[in-house]
Amino acid sequence: MLRLALTLFSLISTTLMGTGVVLVLTMGMDTLTPILGAAVAGFLIALPISWFVAKQIYENA
């Protein structure tokens, strides 16, 4: 299950990080701190989401 979670993490984290960065840029925050904060937030939020999705796939397969 760990390998599945890591594979999902690579997809989920890049999606959430990219969404966060685009959101911050559209709000006019174009300095390093908000962009980096959005990327880190997406990375951290992706950890439990990836584990939950992998667990659900593993249990229902």
PDB file of N, CA and C in Angstrom:
ATOM      1  N   MET A   1       0.821  -1.194   0.000  1.00  0.00           N
ATOM      2  CA  MET A   1       0.000   0.000   0.000  1.00  0.00           C
ATOM      3  C   MET A   1       0.868   1.263   0.000  1.00  0.00           C
ATOM      4  N   LEU A   2       2.050   1.172   0.566  1.00  0.00           N
ATOM      5  CA  LEU A   2       2.928   2.345   0.611  1.00  0.00           C
ATOM      6  C   LEU A   2       3.340   2.776  -0.795  1.00  0.00           C
ATOM      7  N   ARG A   3       3.621   1.810  -1.650  1.00  0.00           N
ATOM      8  CA  ARG A   3       4.030   2.156  -3.012  1.00  0.00           C
ATOM      9  C   ARG A   3       2.891   2.848  -3.755  1.00  0.00           C
ATOM     10  N   LEU A   4       1.658   2.371  -3.551  1.00  0.00           N
ATOM     11  CA  LEU A   4       0.501   3.011  -4.161  1.00  0.00           C
ATOM     12  C   LEU A   4       0.330   4.430  -3.632  1.00  0.00           C
ATOM     13  N   ALA A   5       0.497   4.601  -2.321  1.00  0.00           N
ATOM     14  CA  ALA A   5       0.367   5.935  -1.722  1.00  0.00           C
ATOM     15  C   ALA A   5       1.427   6.892  -2.263  1.00  0.00           C
ATOM     16  N   LEU A   6       2.641   6.409  -2.453  1.00  0.00           N
ATOM     17  CA  LEU A   6       3.701   7.265  -2.986  1.00  0.00           C
ATOM     18  C   LEU A   6       3.442   7.637  -4.440  1.00  0.00           C
ATOM     19  N   THR A   7       2.920   6.697  -5.204  1.00  0.00           N
ATOM     20  CA  THR A   7       2.588   6.994  -6.598  1.00  0.00           C
ATOM     21  C   THR A   7       1.467   8.029  -6.664  1.00  0.00           C
ATOM     22  N   LEU A   8       0.444   7.817  -5.862  1.00  0.00           N
ATOM     23  CA  LEU A   8      -0.648   8.791  -5.818  1.00  0.00           C
ATOM     24  C   LEU A   8      -0.167  10.145  -5.311  1.00  0.00           C
ATOM     25  N   PHE A   9       0.755  10.136  -4.353  1.00  0.00           N
ATOM     26  CA  PHE A   9       1.276  11.380  -3.809  1.00  0.00           C
ATOM     27  C   PHE A   9       1.955  12.218  -4.884  1.00  0.00           C
ATOM     28  N   SER A  10       2.684  11.548  -5.780  1.00  0.00           N
ATOM     29  CA  SER A  10       3.368  12.303  -6.831  1.00  0.00           C
ATOM     30  C   SER A  10       2.374  13.014  -7.738  1.00  0.00           C
ATOM     31  N   LEU A  11       1.221  12.433  -7.947  1.00  0.00           N
ATOM     32  CA  LEU A  11       0.197  13.070  -8.783  1.00  0.00           C
ATOM     33  C   LEU A  11      -0.608  14.104  -8.006  1.00  0.00           C
ATOM     34  N   ILE A  12      -1.026  13.750  -6.806  1.00  0.00           N
ATOM     35  CA  ILE A  12      -1.876  14.633  -6.008  1.00  0.00           C
ATOM     36  C   ILE A  12      -1.114  15.874  -5.549  1.00  0.00           C
ATOM     37  N   SER A  13       0.132  15.682  -5.127  1.00  0.00           N
ATOM     38  CA  SER A  13       0.892  16.831  -4.615  1.00  0.00           C
ATOM     39  C   SER A  13       1.173  17.855  -5.711  1.00  0.00           C
ATOM     40  N   THR A  14       1.540  17.396  -6.905  1.00  0.00           N
ATOM     41  CA  THR A  14       1.806  18.366  -7.970  1.00  0.00           C
ATOM     42  C   THR A  14       0.537  19.104  -8.368  1.00  0.00           C
ATOM     43  N   THR A  15      -0.589  18.413  -8.339  1.00  0.00           N
ATOM     44  CA  THR A  15      -1.860  19.071  -8.666  1.00  0.00           C
ATOM     45  C   THR A  15      -2.209  20.127  -7.628  1.00  0.00           C
ATOM     46  N   LEU A  16      -2.123  19.770  -6.346  1.00  0.00           N
ATOM     47  CA  LEU A  16      -2.471  20.734  -5.294  1.00  0.00           C
ATOM     48  C   LEU A  16      -1.470  21.883  -5.218  1.00  0.00           C
ATOM     49  N   MET A  17      -0.198  21.582  -5.406  1.00  0.00           N
ATOM     50  CA  MET A  17       0.805  22.644  -5.375  1.00  0.00           C
ATOM     51  C   MET A  17       0.604  23.609  -6.538  1.00  0.00           C
ATOM     52  N   GLY A  18       0.356  23.079  -7.724  1.00  0.00           N
ATOM     53  CA  GLY A  18       0.125  23.935  -8.888  1.00  0.00           C
ATOM     54  C   GLY A  18      -1.127  24.769  -8.741  1.00  0.00           C
ATOM     55  N   THR A  19      -2.181  24.161  -8.221  1.00  0.00           N
ATOM     56  CA  THR A  19      -3.425  24.902  -7.998  1.00  0.00           C
ATOM     57  C   THR A  19      -3.207  26.027  -7.000  1.00  0.00           C
ATOM     58  N   GLY A  20      -2.477  25.734  -5.931  1.00  0.00           N
ATOM     59  CA  GLY A  20      -2.201  26.762  -4.930  1.00  0.00           C
ATOM     60  C   GLY A  20      -1.382  27.915  -5.479  1.00  0.00           C
ATOM     61  N   VAL A  21      -0.380  27.593  -6.277  1.00  0.00           N
ATOM     62  CA  VAL A  21       0.460  28.642  -6.853  1.00  0.00           C
ATOM     63  C   VAL A  21      -0.347  29.501  -7.830  1.00  0.00           C
ATOM     64  N   VAL A  22      -1.153  28.872  -8.666  1.00  0.00           N
ATOM     65  CA  VAL A  22      -1.990  29.641  -9.600  1.00  0.00           C
ATOM     66  C   VAL A  22      -2.967  30.527  -8.839  1.00  0.00           C
ATOM     67  N   LEU A  23      -3.548  29.996  -7.770  1.00  0.00           N
ATOM     68  CA  LEU A  23      -4.479  30.771  -6.958  1.00  0.00           C
ATOM     69  C   LEU A  23      -3.802  32.000  -6.360  1.00  0.00           C
ATOM     70  N   VAL A  24      -2.613  31.797  -5.810  1.00  0.00           N
ATOM     71  CA  VAL A  24      -1.872  32.914  -5.211  1.00  0.00           C
ATOM     72  C   VAL A  24      -1.500  33.951  -6.272  1.00  0.00           C
ATOM     73  N   LEU A  25      -1.078  33.487  -7.437  1.00  0.00           N
ATOM     74  CA  LEU A  25      -0.699  34.430  -8.491  1.00  0.00           C
ATOM     75  C   LEU A  25      -1.895  35.211  -9.017  1.00  0.00           C
ATOM     76  N   THR A  26      -3.059  34.575  -9.111  1.00  0.00           N
ATOM     77  CA  THR A  26      -4.237  35.308  -9.586  1.00  0.00           C
ATOM     78  C   THR A  26      -4.737  36.316  -8.559  1.00  0.00           C
ATOM     79  N   MET A  27      -4.379  36.113  -7.288  1.00  0.00           N
ATOM     80  CA  MET A  27      -4.747  37.087  -6.264  1.00  0.00           C
ATOM     81  C   MET A  27      -3.753  38.246  -6.214  1.00  0.00           C
ATOM     82  N   GLY A  28      -2.759  38.217  -7.091  1.00  0.00           N
ATOM     83  CA  GLY A  28      -1.819  39.332  -7.178  1.00  0.00           C
ATOM     84  C   GLY A  28      -0.629  39.231  -6.251  1.00  0.00           C
ATOM     85  N   MET A  29      -0.470  38.132  -5.586  1.00  0.00           N
ATOM     86  CA  MET A  29       0.678  37.946  -4.690  1.00  0.00           C
ATOM     87  C   MET A  29       1.804  37.309  -5.488  1.00  0.00           C
ATOM     88  N   ASP A  30       2.713  38.134  -5.992  1.00  0.00           N
ATOM     89  CA  ASP A  30       3.737  37.617  -6.882  1.00  0.00           C
ATOM     90  C   ASP A  30       5.145  37.668  -6.284  1.00  0.00           C
ATOM     91  N   THR A  31       5.233  37.589  -4.974  1.00  0.00           N
ATOM     92  CA  THR A  31       6.543  37.513  -4.339  1.00  0.00           C
ATOM     93  C   THR A  31       6.820  36.067  -3.931  1.00  0.00           C
ATOM     94  N   LEU A  32       8.017  35.807  -3.489  1.00  0.00           N
ATOM     95  CA  LEU A  32       8.449  34.439  -3.195  1.00  0.00           C
ATOM     96  C   LEU A  32       7.681  33.816  -2.030  1.00  0.00           C
ATOM     97  N   THR A  33       7.429  34.575  -0.982  1.00  0.00           N
ATOM     98  CA  THR A  33       6.829  34.009   0.228  1.00  0.00           C
ATOM     99  C   THR A  33       5.438  33.406  -0.002  1.00  0.00           C
ATOM    100  N   PRO A  34       4.495  34.108  -0.625  1.00  0.00           N
ATOM    101  CA  PRO A  34       3.191  33.476  -0.841  1.00  0.00           C
ATOM    102  C   PRO A  34       3.240  32.306  -1.822  1.00  0.00           C
ATOM    103  N   ILE A  35       4.078  32.404  -2.844  1.00  0.00           N
ATOM    104  CA  ILE A  35       4.191  31.314  -3.816  1.00  0.00           C
ATOM    105  C   ILE A  35       4.767  30.081  -3.142  1.00  0.00           C
ATOM    106  N   LEU A  36       5.810  30.260  -2.384  1.00  0.00           N
ATOM    107  CA  LEU A  36       6.426  29.141  -1.674  1.00  0.00           C
ATOM    108  C   LEU A  36       5.475  28.585  -0.609  1.00  0.00           C
ATOM    109  N   GLY A  37       4.749  29.457   0.066  1.00  0.00           N
ATOM    110  CA  GLY A  37       3.778  29.012   1.063  1.00  0.00           C
ATOM    111  C   GLY A  37       2.672  28.178   0.441  1.00  0.00           C
ATOM    112  N   ALA A  38       2.196  28.574  -0.727  1.00  0.00           N
ATOM    113  CA  ALA A  38       1.148  27.814  -1.408  1.00  0.00           C
ATOM    114  C   ALA A  38       1.673  26.454  -1.841  1.00  0.00           C
ATOM    115  N   ALA A  39       2.912  26.404  -2.317  1.00  0.00           N
ATOM    116  CA  ALA A  39       3.501  25.133  -2.738  1.00  0.00           C
ATOM    117  C   ALA A  39       3.698  24.202  -1.540  1.00  0.00           C
ATOM    118  N   VAL A  40       4.167  24.728  -0.433  1.00  0.00           N
ATOM    119  CA  VAL A  40       4.370  23.910   0.771  1.00  0.00           C
ATOM    120  C   VAL A  40       3.025  23.442   1.319  1.00  0.00           C
ATOM    121  N   ALA A  41       2.024  24.298   1.297  1.00  0.00           N
ATOM    122  CA  ALA A  41       0.696  23.911   1.779  1.00  0.00           C
ATOM    123  C   ALA A  41       0.124  22.785   0.932  1.00  0.00           C
ATOM    124  N   GLY A  42       0.265  22.872  -0.382  1.00  0.00           N
ATOM    125  CA  GLY A  42      -0.199  21.807  -1.258  1.00  0.00           C
ATOM    126  C   GLY A  42       0.524  20.503  -1.012  1.00  0.00           C
ATOM    127  N   PHE A  43       1.828  20.597  -0.752  1.00  0.00           N
ATOM    128  CA  PHE A  43       2.626  19.406  -0.449  1.00  0.00           C
ATOM    129  C   PHE A  43       2.145  18.742   0.834  1.00  0.00           C
ATOM    130  N   LEU A  44       1.924  19.532   1.869  1.00  0.00           N
ATOM    131  CA  LEU A  44       1.510  18.982   3.156  1.00  0.00           C
ATOM    132  C   LEU A  44       0.076  18.456   3.140  1.00  0.00           C
ATOM    133  N   ILE A  45      -0.797  19.128   2.422  1.00  0.00           N
ATOM    134  CA  ILE A  45      -2.182  18.667   2.332  1.00  0.00           C
ATOM    135  C   ILE A  45      -2.261  17.361   1.545  1.00  0.00           C
ATOM    136  N   ALA A  46      -1.352  17.171   0.608  1.00  0.00           N
ATOM    137  CA  ALA A  46      -1.367  15.964  -0.228  1.00  0.00           C
ATOM    138  C   ALA A  46      -0.981  14.705   0.540  1.00  0.00           C
ATOM    139  N   LEU A  47      -0.251  14.832   1.633  1.00  0.00           N
ATOM    140  CA  LEU A  47       0.161  13.647   2.392  1.00  0.00           C
ATOM    141  C   LEU A  47      -1.018  12.843   2.927  1.00  0.00           C
ATOM    142  N   PRO A  48      -1.905  13.420   3.719  1.00  0.00           N
ATOM    143  CA  PRO A  48      -3.026  12.609   4.218  1.00  0.00           C
ATOM    144  C   PRO A  48      -4.022  12.223   3.121  1.00  0.00           C
ATOM    145  N   ILE A  49      -4.181  13.073   2.119  1.00  0.00           N
ATOM    146  CA  ILE A  49      -5.105  12.747   1.034  1.00  0.00           C
ATOM    147  C   ILE A  49      -4.610  11.526   0.273  1.00  0.00           C
ATOM    148  N   SER A  50      -3.320  11.480  -0.017  1.00  0.00           N
ATOM    149  CA  SER A  50      -2.749  10.337  -0.737  1.00  0.00           C
ATOM    150  C   SER A  50      -2.898   9.062   0.068  1.00  0.00           C
ATOM    151  N   TRP A  51      -2.641   9.138   1.350  1.00  0.00           N
ATOM    152  CA  TRP A  51      -2.768   7.954   2.198  1.00  0.00           C
ATOM    153  C   TRP A  51      -4.225   7.481   2.247  1.00  0.00           C
ATOM    154  N   PHE A  52      -5.164   8.416   2.363  1.00  0.00           N
ATOM    155  CA  PHE A  52      -6.581   8.056   2.414  1.00  0.00           C
ATOM    156  C   PHE A  52      -7.045   7.418   1.102  1.00  0.00           C
ATOM    157  N   VAL A  53      -6.653   8.004  -0.026  1.00  0.00           N
ATOM    158  CA  VAL A  53      -7.060   7.467  -1.327  1.00  0.00           C
ATOM    159  C   VAL A  53      -6.450   6.082  -1.539  1.00  0.00           C
ATOM    160  N   ALA A  54      -5.174   5.914  -1.190  1.00  0.00           N
ATOM    161  CA  ALA A  54      -4.530   4.611  -1.336  1.00  0.00           C
ATOM    162  C   ALA A  54      -5.222   3.564  -0.454  1.00  0.00           C
ATOM    163  N   LYS A  55      -5.585   3.954   0.738  1.00  0.00           N
ATOM    164  CA  LYS A  55      -6.269   3.036   1.648  1.00  0.00           C
ATOM    165  C   LYS A  55      -7.622   2.621   1.082  1.00  0.00           C
ATOM    166  N   GLN A  56      -8.362   3.575   0.533  1.00  0.00           N
ATOM    167  CA  GLN A  56      -9.660   3.262  -0.044  1.00  0.00           C
ATOM    168  C   GLN A  56      -9.529   2.360  -1.277  1.00  0.00           C
ATOM    169  N   ILE A  57      -8.546   2.611  -2.107  1.00  0.00           N
ATOM    170  CA  ILE A  57      -8.324   1.760  -3.278  1.00  0.00           C
ATOM    171  C   ILE A  57      -7.913   0.360  -2.845  1.00  0.00           C
ATOM    172  N   TYR A  58      -7.022   0.277  -1.881  1.00  0.00           N
ATOM    173  CA  TYR A  58      -6.527  -1.006  -1.418  1.00  0.00           C
ATOM    174  C   TYR A  58      -7.636  -1.842  -0.780  1.00  0.00           C
ATOM    175  N   GLU A  59      -8.499  -1.207  -0.015  1.00  0.00           N
ATOM    176  CA  GLU A  59      -9.578  -1.925   0.668  1.00  0.00           C
ATOM    177  C   GLU A  59     -10.703  -2.334  -0.281  1.00  0.00           C
ATOM    178  N   ASN A  60     -10.940  -1.584  -1.317  1.00  0.00           N
ATOM    179  CA  ASN A  60     -12.041  -1.862  -2.235  1.00  0.00           C
ATOM    180  C   ASN A  60     -11.622  -2.651  -3.467  1.00  0.00           C
ATOM    181  N   ALA A  61     -10.364  -2.970  -3.586  1.00  0.00           N
ATOM    182  CA  ALA A  61      -9.893  -3.705  -4.763  1.00  0.00           C
ATOM    183  C   ALA A  61     -10.031  -5.193  -4.592  1.00  0.00           C
TER     184      ALA A  61
END
